[in-house]
Structures are given as structure tokens and as C-alpha cells.
């Protein structure tokens, strides 16, 4: 009976050691691989300390245009007066589209049209309301004026205007002035060109390279 028990496979014991659930050799190999991968990673490049080394603008001329770095020439910015596209008739809209297409076909130098949001300037309206409040002597009317002033302050704080700008490029200031006149003549009444002050141009460049920032109120 004892011999049968020894020869029976059901009672046979396995002499080999079982694998442990957690093998320390695997964890050490994994840690070594991670260390080697960290060593292989390149060091982070140092950021350029000044924005003046990144933007292509070198200086602002006396005429209000911008001199570009190297031999890239000159640049100027003008504003395109926007218009209501829903009120005009179909013929007027088609005429405007045709004139704009003709301008893009006939004007061969480099240009760029940029649209940006600028804060609403309510300084004149607020000055007028404050003057009326100071001169007012009727209590009921003063309540209406104060409410109107709060509405204007809300618009100035939380609303923006979509404005369109035309960037013009040339090799010399004289050529830049010629290109500016050509754009003014070609666009005509479709998108009349408005000259910008030096302060507005600087605000535009600041907003262009710092799009998450908010501009201060302009006078």
C-alpha cells in the first residue's frame, strides 16, 4: 500500500521552488532603466532673456514706421475701417467683394491683414455723463444718469472691439510711403485706411506679442 502511494502521481510532491509573487530583480532592472533614460534626456535650452532679441523690429523711425532687423527693410501699420456687412444690399456687397479681390490681385508687394480685439474706449462718454451728474439737480434724473454710467463702465471693463489692421512692407521709407498711397487708392471706399498714432502702433505690437495681456485705457 505504501508503494502504491509513492508511485501514484496524485501524491507526488514537486521538489522545484515556486516563483515568488514579487521578484526584486525586476524592480531593480526597472529602476536602472529609468535612471539611464533620465541621463539620456537632453538638458532644457535656456530661454532668451529679452523679447527684443526675438521680434524682428529694430527701431521706430521719425515718420512712425518700423525699421526691421538686418536687410529686411521697413514696415508700417494702418487700420482698415470696418463696415456693416448685413445692412447693404446684395449689389453693394458683391461690389465690395470684387474691389477687394481686385486689390489682392493687383497689389504684388507683401502685406498682412491682422484682426485683433482691443478694449472699448468710453472716456468721452464717461466724461459727458460725469459732467451731467455734476450739473444735475433733479434726484430722479440723477438715478438714471448713475445707472447709465455703470453701463458704460461695464462695457469699458468687459467688452472689446474687433479691429482690422494692414501691415505693409517695403525696402525703403520712400517705397513704403508709395505702397501706403497705393493701398489707400486701391481700397477706396471698400475698406478706407485710417492712420494710427505712434502710441496706438506700440499698443498694437505689445498686444500682438502679448496676446493674453490686457491693455490699459487709452486717451
C-alpha atoms as a PDB file:
ATOM      1  CA  UNK A   1       0.000   0.000   0.000  1.00  0.00           C
ATOM      2  CA  UNK A   2       2.882   2.265   0.743  1.00  0.00           C
ATOM      3  CA  UNK A   3       4.444   1.561  -2.671  1.00  0.00           C
ATOM      4  CA  UNK A   4       1.230   2.432  -4.472  1.00  0.00           C
ATOM      5  CA  UNK A   5       1.116   5.741  -2.631  1.00  0.00           C
ATOM      6  CA  UNK A   6       4.650   6.588  -3.699  1.00  0.00           C
ATOM      7  CA  UNK A   7       4.058   5.699  -7.366  1.00  0.00           C
ATOM      8  CA  UNK A   8       0.690   7.443  -7.553  1.00  0.00           C
ATOM      9  CA  UNK A   9       1.041  10.839  -9.324  1.00  0.00           C
ATOM     10  CA  UNK A  10      -1.599  12.417  -7.135  1.00  0.00           C
ATOM     11  CA  UNK A  11       0.606  12.080  -4.115  1.00  0.00           C
ATOM     12  CA  UNK A  12       3.776  13.131  -5.875  1.00  0.00           C
ATOM     13  CA  UNK A  13       5.390  16.293  -4.464  1.00  0.00           C
ATOM     14  CA  UNK A  14       7.066  18.824  -6.701  1.00  0.00           C
ATOM     15  CA  UNK A  15      10.575  19.484  -5.471  1.00  0.00           C
ATOM     16  CA  UNK A  16      11.214  22.671  -7.521  1.00  0.00           C
ATOM     17  CA  UNK A  17      10.745  26.005  -5.748  1.00  0.00           C
ATOM     18  CA  UNK A  18       7.827  28.148  -6.811  1.00  0.00           C
ATOM     19  CA  UNK A  19       8.335  31.668  -8.155  1.00  0.00           C
ATOM     20  CA  UNK A  20       7.769  34.445  -5.680  1.00  0.00           C
ATOM     21  CA  UNK A  21       4.931  36.856  -6.347  1.00  0.00           C
ATOM     22  CA  UNK A  22       7.268  39.882  -6.178  1.00  0.00           C
ATOM     23  CA  UNK A  23      10.597  39.457  -7.835  1.00  0.00           C
ATOM     24  CA  UNK A  24      13.086  42.065  -6.574  1.00  0.00           C
ATOM     25  CA  UNK A  25      15.251  41.602  -9.651  1.00  0.00           C
ATOM     26  CA  UNK A  26      12.519  43.030 -11.904  1.00  0.00           C
ATOM     27  CA  UNK A  27      12.121  46.184  -9.815  1.00  0.00           C
ATOM     28  CA  UNK A  28      15.856  46.833  -9.725  1.00  0.00           C
ATOM     29  CA  UNK A  29      16.126  46.392 -13.519  1.00  0.00           C
ATOM     30  CA  UNK A  30      13.248  48.810 -13.999  1.00  0.00           C
ATOM     31  CA  UNK A  31      14.848  51.423 -11.764  1.00  0.00           C
ATOM     32  CA  UNK A  32      18.138  51.113 -13.645  1.00  0.00           C
ATOM     33  CA  UNK A  33      16.388  51.630 -16.979  1.00  0.00           C
ATOM     34  CA  UNK A  34      14.628  54.750 -15.691  1.00  0.00           C
ATOM     35  CA  UNK A  35      17.922  56.163 -14.457  1.00  0.00           C
ATOM     36  CA  UNK A  36      19.582  55.554 -17.812  1.00  0.00           C
ATOM     37  CA  UNK A  37      16.664  57.191 -19.664  1.00  0.00           C
ATOM     38  CA  UNK A  38      16.923  60.276 -17.473  1.00  0.00           C
ATOM     39  CA  UNK A  39      20.626  60.551 -18.208  1.00  0.00           C
ATOM     40  CA  UNK A  40      19.990  60.328 -21.951  1.00  0.00           C
ATOM     41  CA  UNK A  41      17.489  63.239 -21.891  1.00  0.00           C
ATOM     42  CA  UNK A  42      18.912  66.491 -23.158  1.00  0.00           C
ATOM     43  CA  UNK A  43      19.160  69.481 -20.918  1.00  0.00           C
ATOM     44  CA  UNK A  44      16.483  72.132 -21.354  1.00  0.00           C
ATOM     45  CA  UNK A  45      17.607  75.011 -23.533  1.00  0.00           C
ATOM     46  CA  UNK A  46      17.968  78.350 -21.833  1.00  0.00           C
ATOM     47  CA  UNK A  47      15.254  80.843 -22.820  1.00  0.00           C
ATOM     48  CA  UNK A  48      16.283  84.096 -24.480  1.00  0.00           C
ATOM     49  CA  UNK A  49      16.213  86.749 -21.727  1.00  0.00           C
ATOM     50  CA  UNK A  50      14.978  89.673 -23.847  1.00  0.00           C
ATOM     51  CA  UNK A  51      11.983  89.934 -26.195  1.00  0.00           C
ATOM     52  CA  UNK A  52      13.992  92.440 -28.258  1.00  0.00           C
ATOM     53  CA  UNK A  53      16.148  89.561 -29.484  1.00  0.00           C
ATOM     54  CA  UNK A  54      13.101  87.668 -30.766  1.00  0.00           C
ATOM     55  CA  UNK A  55      10.919  90.215 -32.543  1.00  0.00           C
ATOM     56  CA  UNK A  56      12.132  91.334 -35.988  1.00  0.00           C
ATOM     57  CA  UNK A  57      11.719  95.073 -35.264  1.00  0.00           C
ATOM     58  CA  UNK A  58      14.841  97.126 -34.696  1.00  0.00           C
ATOM     59  CA  UNK A  59      13.645 100.711 -34.266  1.00  0.00           C
ATOM     60  CA  UNK A  60      10.847 103.199 -34.951  1.00  0.00           C
ATOM     61  CA  UNK A  61      11.529 105.944 -37.487  1.00  0.00           C
ATOM     62  CA  UNK A  62      10.568 109.618 -37.199  1.00  0.00           C
ATOM     63  CA  UNK A  63       7.745 109.059 -39.696  1.00  0.00           C
ATOM     64  CA  UNK A  64       6.157 106.412 -37.461  1.00  0.00           C
ATOM     65  CA  UNK A  65       7.163 103.324 -39.445  1.00  0.00           C
ATOM     66  CA  UNK A  66       9.299 100.462 -38.150  1.00  0.00           C
ATOM     67  CA  UNK A  67      12.776  99.507 -39.276  1.00  0.00           C
ATOM     68  CA  UNK A  68      13.294  95.756 -39.395  1.00  0.00           C
ATOM     69  CA  UNK A  69      16.447  93.932 -38.396  1.00  0.00           C
ATOM     70  CA  UNK A  70      19.165  93.187 -40.918  1.00  0.00           C
ATOM     71  CA  UNK A  71      18.280  93.909 -44.534  1.00  0.00           C
ATOM     72  CA  UNK A  72      14.571  93.099 -44.141  1.00  0.00           C
ATOM     73  CA  UNK A  73      13.530  96.685 -44.894  1.00  0.00           C
ATOM     74  CA  UNK A  74      10.692  98.665 -43.288  1.00  0.00           C
ATOM     75  CA  UNK A  75       7.161  98.064 -42.069  1.00  0.00           C
ATOM     76  CA  UNK A  76       4.137 100.236 -41.383  1.00  0.00           C
ATOM     77  CA  UNK A  77       0.701  99.551 -39.903  1.00  0.00           C
ATOM     78  CA  UNK A  78      -2.595 101.205 -40.845  1.00  0.00           C
ATOM     79  CA  UNK A  79      -6.109 100.448 -39.688  1.00  0.00           C
ATOM     80  CA  UNK A  80      -8.847  99.268 -42.035  1.00  0.00           C
ATOM     81  CA  UNK A  81     -12.184 100.865 -41.284  1.00  0.00           C
ATOM     82  CA  UNK A  82     -14.722  98.084 -40.848  1.00  0.00           C
ATOM     83  CA  UNK A  83     -18.295  98.301 -42.095  1.00  0.00           C
ATOM     84  CA  UNK A  84     -21.634  96.625 -41.574  1.00  0.00           C
ATOM     85  CA  UNK A  85     -21.940  93.586 -43.856  1.00  0.00           C
ATOM     86  CA  UNK A  86     -25.627  92.903 -43.111  1.00  0.00           C
ATOM     87  CA  UNK A  87     -27.302  96.236 -43.914  1.00  0.00           C
ATOM     88  CA  UNK A  88     -26.042  96.820 -47.518  1.00  0.00           C
ATOM     89  CA  UNK A  89     -27.840  95.320 -50.494  1.00  0.00           C
ATOM     90  CA  UNK A  90     -26.601  92.315 -52.432  1.00  0.00           C
ATOM     91  CA  UNK A  91     -25.220  94.533 -55.226  1.00  0.00           C
ATOM     92  CA  UNK A  92     -23.185  96.614 -52.784  1.00  0.00           C
ATOM     93  CA  UNK A  93     -21.798  93.506 -51.091  1.00  0.00           C
ATOM     94  CA  UNK A  94     -20.788  91.979 -54.431  1.00  0.00           C
ATOM     95  CA  UNK A  95     -19.136  95.251 -55.434  1.00  0.00           C
ATOM     96  CA  UNK A  96     -17.102  95.315 -52.212  1.00  0.00           C
ATOM     97  CA  UNK A  97     -16.017  91.706 -52.733  1.00  0.00           C
ATOM     98  CA  UNK A  98     -14.984  92.469 -56.302  1.00  0.00           C
ATOM     99  CA  UNK A  99     -12.955  95.536 -55.277  1.00  0.00           C
ATOM    100  CA  UNK A 100     -11.200  93.629 -52.504  1.00  0.00           C
ATOM    101  CA  UNK A 101     -10.373  90.758 -54.865  1.00  0.00           C
ATOM    102  CA  UNK A 102      -9.029  93.239 -57.414  1.00  0.00           C
ATOM    103  CA  UNK A 103      -6.828  94.817 -54.741  1.00  0.00           C
ATOM    104  CA  UNK A 104      -5.355  91.440 -53.727  1.00  0.00           C
ATOM    105  CA  UNK A 105      -4.673  90.579 -57.373  1.00  0.00           C
ATOM    106  CA  UNK A 106      -3.134  93.891 -58.422  1.00  0.00           C
ATOM    107  CA  UNK A 107      -1.092  94.637 -55.286  1.00  0.00           C
ATOM    108  CA  UNK A 108       2.027  92.466 -55.608  1.00  0.00           C
ATOM    109  CA  UNK A 109       4.212  93.512 -52.587  1.00  0.00           C
ATOM    110  CA  UNK A 110       3.961  91.696 -49.274  1.00  0.00           C
ATOM    111  CA  UNK A 111       1.083  92.610 -46.969  1.00  0.00           C
ATOM    112  CA  UNK A 112      -0.608  91.090 -43.961  1.00  0.00           C
ATOM    113  CA  UNK A 113      -4.150  91.657 -42.647  1.00  0.00           C
ATOM    114  CA  UNK A 114      -4.474  91.107 -38.892  1.00  0.00           C
ATOM    115  CA  UNK A 115      -7.621  91.257 -36.765  1.00  0.00           C
ATOM    116  CA  UNK A 116      -7.294  91.884 -33.020  1.00  0.00           C
ATOM    117  CA  UNK A 117      -9.528  92.671 -30.057  1.00  0.00           C
ATOM    118  CA  UNK A 118      -8.906  95.971 -28.299  1.00  0.00           C
ATOM    119  CA  UNK A 119     -10.594  97.347 -25.173  1.00  0.00           C
ATOM    120  CA  UNK A 120     -13.533  99.675 -25.686  1.00  0.00           C
ATOM    121  CA  UNK A 121     -12.642 103.305 -25.030  1.00  0.00           C
ATOM    122  CA  UNK A 122     -15.532 105.027 -23.234  1.00  0.00           C
ATOM    123  CA  UNK A 123     -13.624 108.052 -21.973  1.00  0.00           C
ATOM    124  CA  UNK A 124     -15.637 110.651 -23.901  1.00  0.00           C
ATOM    125  CA  UNK A 125     -18.978 109.108 -22.922  1.00  0.00           C
ATOM    126  CA  UNK A 126     -17.961 108.819 -19.274  1.00  0.00           C
ATOM    127  CA  UNK A 127     -16.747 112.432 -19.192  1.00  0.00           C
ATOM    128  CA  UNK A 128     -20.084 113.580 -20.618  1.00  0.00           C
ATOM    129  CA  UNK A 129     -22.084 111.545 -18.087  1.00  0.00           C
ATOM    130  CA  UNK A 130     -19.963 112.770 -15.174  1.00  0.00           C
ATOM    131  CA  UNK A 131     -20.467 116.356 -16.324  1.00  0.00           C
ATOM    132  CA  UNK A 132     -24.257 115.851 -16.455  1.00  0.00           C
ATOM    133  CA  UNK A 133     -24.233 114.276 -12.994  1.00  0.00           C
ATOM    134  CA  UNK A 134     -22.288 117.242 -11.595  1.00  0.00           C
ATOM    135  CA  UNK A 135     -24.692 119.753 -13.187  1.00  0.00           C
ATOM    136  CA  UNK A 136     -27.876 117.828 -12.417  1.00  0.00           C
ATOM    137  CA  UNK A 137     -30.243 118.986  -9.672  1.00  0.00           C
ATOM    138  CA  UNK A 138     -33.128 116.505 -10.126  1.00  0.00           C
ATOM    139  CA  UNK A 139     -32.846 113.421  -7.866  1.00  0.00           C
ATOM    140  CA  UNK A 140     -34.915 111.192 -10.172  1.00  0.00           C
ATOM    141  CA  UNK A 141     -32.836 112.082 -13.203  1.00  0.00           C
ATOM    142  CA  UNK A 142     -29.597 111.561 -11.257  1.00  0.00           C
ATOM    143  CA  UNK A 143     -30.564 107.920 -10.647  1.00  0.00           C
ATOM    144  CA  UNK A 144     -30.889 107.404 -14.400  1.00  0.00           C
ATOM    145  CA  UNK A 145     -27.514 109.059 -15.063  1.00  0.00           C
ATOM    146  CA  UNK A 146     -25.734 106.895 -12.462  1.00  0.00           C
ATOM    147  CA  UNK A 147     -27.201 103.760 -13.993  1.00  0.00           C
ATOM    148  CA  UNK A 148     -26.023 104.886 -17.443  1.00  0.00           C
ATOM    149  CA  UNK A 149     -22.516 105.486 -16.084  1.00  0.00           C
ATOM    150  CA  UNK A 150     -22.414 101.969 -14.614  1.00  0.00           C
ATOM    151  CA  UNK A 151     -23.353 100.518 -18.016  1.00  0.00           C
ATOM    152  CA  UNK A 152     -20.530 102.427 -19.714  1.00  0.00           C
ATOM    153  CA  UNK A 153     -18.047 101.298 -17.056  1.00  0.00           C
ATOM    154  CA  UNK A 154     -19.136  97.691 -17.603  1.00  0.00           C
ATOM    155  CA  UNK A 155     -18.573  97.985 -21.359  1.00  0.00           C
ATOM    156  CA  UNK A 156     -15.142  99.518 -20.844  1.00  0.00           C
ATOM    157  CA  UNK A 157     -14.114  96.736 -18.442  1.00  0.00           C
ATOM    158  CA  UNK A 158     -15.538  93.590 -20.034  1.00  0.00           C
ATOM    159  CA  UNK A 159     -16.106  94.313 -23.741  1.00  0.00           C
ATOM    160  CA  UNK A 160     -13.685  94.611 -26.663  1.00  0.00           C
ATOM    161  CA  UNK A 161     -13.801  95.867 -30.241  1.00  0.00           C
ATOM    162  CA  UNK A 162     -12.664  93.764 -33.184  1.00  0.00           C
ATOM    163  CA  UNK A 163     -10.290  95.925 -35.236  1.00  0.00           C
ATOM    164  CA  UNK A 164      -8.534  95.157 -38.522  1.00  0.00           C
ATOM    165  CA  UNK A 165      -5.020  96.261 -39.449  1.00  0.00           C
ATOM    166  CA  UNK A 166      -2.973  96.187 -42.626  1.00  0.00           C
ATOM    167  CA  UNK A 167       0.780  95.536 -42.341  1.00  0.00           C
ATOM    168  CA  UNK A 168       2.735  96.999 -45.273  1.00  0.00           C
ATOM    169  CA  UNK A 169       6.342  96.023 -46.086  1.00  0.00           C
ATOM    170  CA  UNK A 170       8.935  97.774 -48.271  1.00  0.00           C
ATOM    171  CA  UNK A 171      12.684  98.049 -48.764  1.00  0.00           C
ATOM    172  CA  UNK A 172      12.946 101.804 -48.021  1.00  0.00           C
ATOM    173  CA  UNK A 173      10.884 104.546 -46.325  1.00  0.00           C
ATOM    174  CA  UNK A 174      10.194 106.184 -49.698  1.00  0.00           C
ATOM    175  CA  UNK A 175       8.907 102.947 -51.163  1.00  0.00           C
ATOM    176  CA  UNK A 176       6.860 102.367 -48.017  1.00  0.00           C
ATOM    177  CA  UNK A 177       5.087 105.714 -48.458  1.00  0.00           C
ATOM    178  CA  UNK A 178       4.366 104.835 -52.093  1.00  0.00           C
ATOM    179  CA  UNK A 179       2.904 101.460 -51.126  1.00  0.00           C
ATOM    180  CA  UNK A 180       0.762 103.120 -48.462  1.00  0.00           C
ATOM    181  CA  UNK A 181      -0.714 105.514 -51.015  1.00  0.00           C
ATOM    182  CA  UNK A 182      -1.366 102.632 -53.410  1.00  0.00           C
ATOM    183  CA  UNK A 183      -3.273 100.745 -50.724  1.00  0.00           C
ATOM    184  CA  UNK A 184      -5.307 103.825 -49.919  1.00  0.00           C
ATOM    185  CA  UNK A 185      -6.183 104.290 -53.593  1.00  0.00           C
ATOM    186  CA  UNK A 186      -6.961 100.636 -54.320  1.00  0.00           C
ATOM    187  CA  UNK A 187      -9.137 100.018 -51.293  1.00  0.00           C
ATOM    188  CA  UNK A 188     -11.090 103.243 -51.741  1.00  0.00           C
ATOM    189  CA  UNK A 189     -14.462 103.118 -50.053  1.00  0.00           C
ATOM    190  CA  UNK A 190     -14.436  99.338 -49.559  1.00  0.00           C
ATOM    191  CA  UNK A 191     -12.107  99.488 -46.541  1.00  0.00           C
ATOM    192  CA  UNK A 192     -10.867 103.055 -46.028  1.00  0.00           C
ATOM    193  CA  UNK A 193      -7.427 103.335 -44.445  1.00  0.00           C
ATOM    194  CA  UNK A 194      -7.057 105.203 -41.159  1.00  0.00           C
ATOM    195  CA  UNK A 195      -3.664 106.433 -39.979  1.00  0.00           C
ATOM    196  CA  UNK A 196      -2.575 105.329 -36.498  1.00  0.00           C
ATOM    197  CA  UNK A 197      -0.763 107.330 -33.872  1.00  0.00           C
ATOM    198  CA  UNK A 198       2.637 106.154 -32.641  1.00  0.00           C
ATOM    199  CA  UNK A 199       1.087 105.222 -29.298  1.00  0.00           C
ATOM    200  CA  UNK A 200      -1.565 103.071 -30.949  1.00  0.00           C
ATOM    201  CA  UNK A 201       1.073 101.291 -33.068  1.00  0.00           C
ATOM    202  CA  UNK A 202       3.101 100.485 -29.967  1.00  0.00           C
ATOM    203  CA  UNK A 203      -0.053  99.212 -28.235  1.00  0.00           C
ATOM    204  CA  UNK A 204      -0.755  97.060 -31.272  1.00  0.00           C
ATOM    205  CA  UNK A 205       2.709  95.497 -31.227  1.00  0.00           C
ATOM    206  CA  UNK A 206       2.530  94.945 -27.484  1.00  0.00           C
ATOM    207  CA  UNK A 207      -0.837  93.208 -27.831  1.00  0.00           C
ATOM    208  CA  UNK A 208       0.432  91.179 -30.793  1.00  0.00           C
ATOM    209  CA  UNK A 209       3.362  89.733 -28.831  1.00  0.00           C
ATOM    210  CA  UNK A 210       1.440  89.521 -25.510  1.00  0.00           C
ATOM    211  CA  UNK A 211      -1.972  88.287 -26.554  1.00  0.00           C
ATOM    212  CA  UNK A 212      -3.045  87.199 -23.062  1.00  0.00           C
ATOM    213  CA  UNK A 213      -2.384  90.622 -21.582  1.00  0.00           C
ATOM    214  CA  UNK A 214      -4.856  93.463 -21.212  1.00  0.00           C
ATOM    215  CA  UNK A 215      -4.037  96.971 -22.365  1.00  0.00           C
ATOM    216  CA  UNK A 216      -4.513  99.981 -20.180  1.00  0.00           C
ATOM    217  CA  UNK A 217      -7.103 102.588 -21.100  1.00  0.00           C
ATOM    218  CA  UNK A 218      -6.021 104.866 -23.929  1.00  0.00           C
ATOM    219  CA  UNK A 219      -6.913 108.521 -24.064  1.00  0.00           C
END
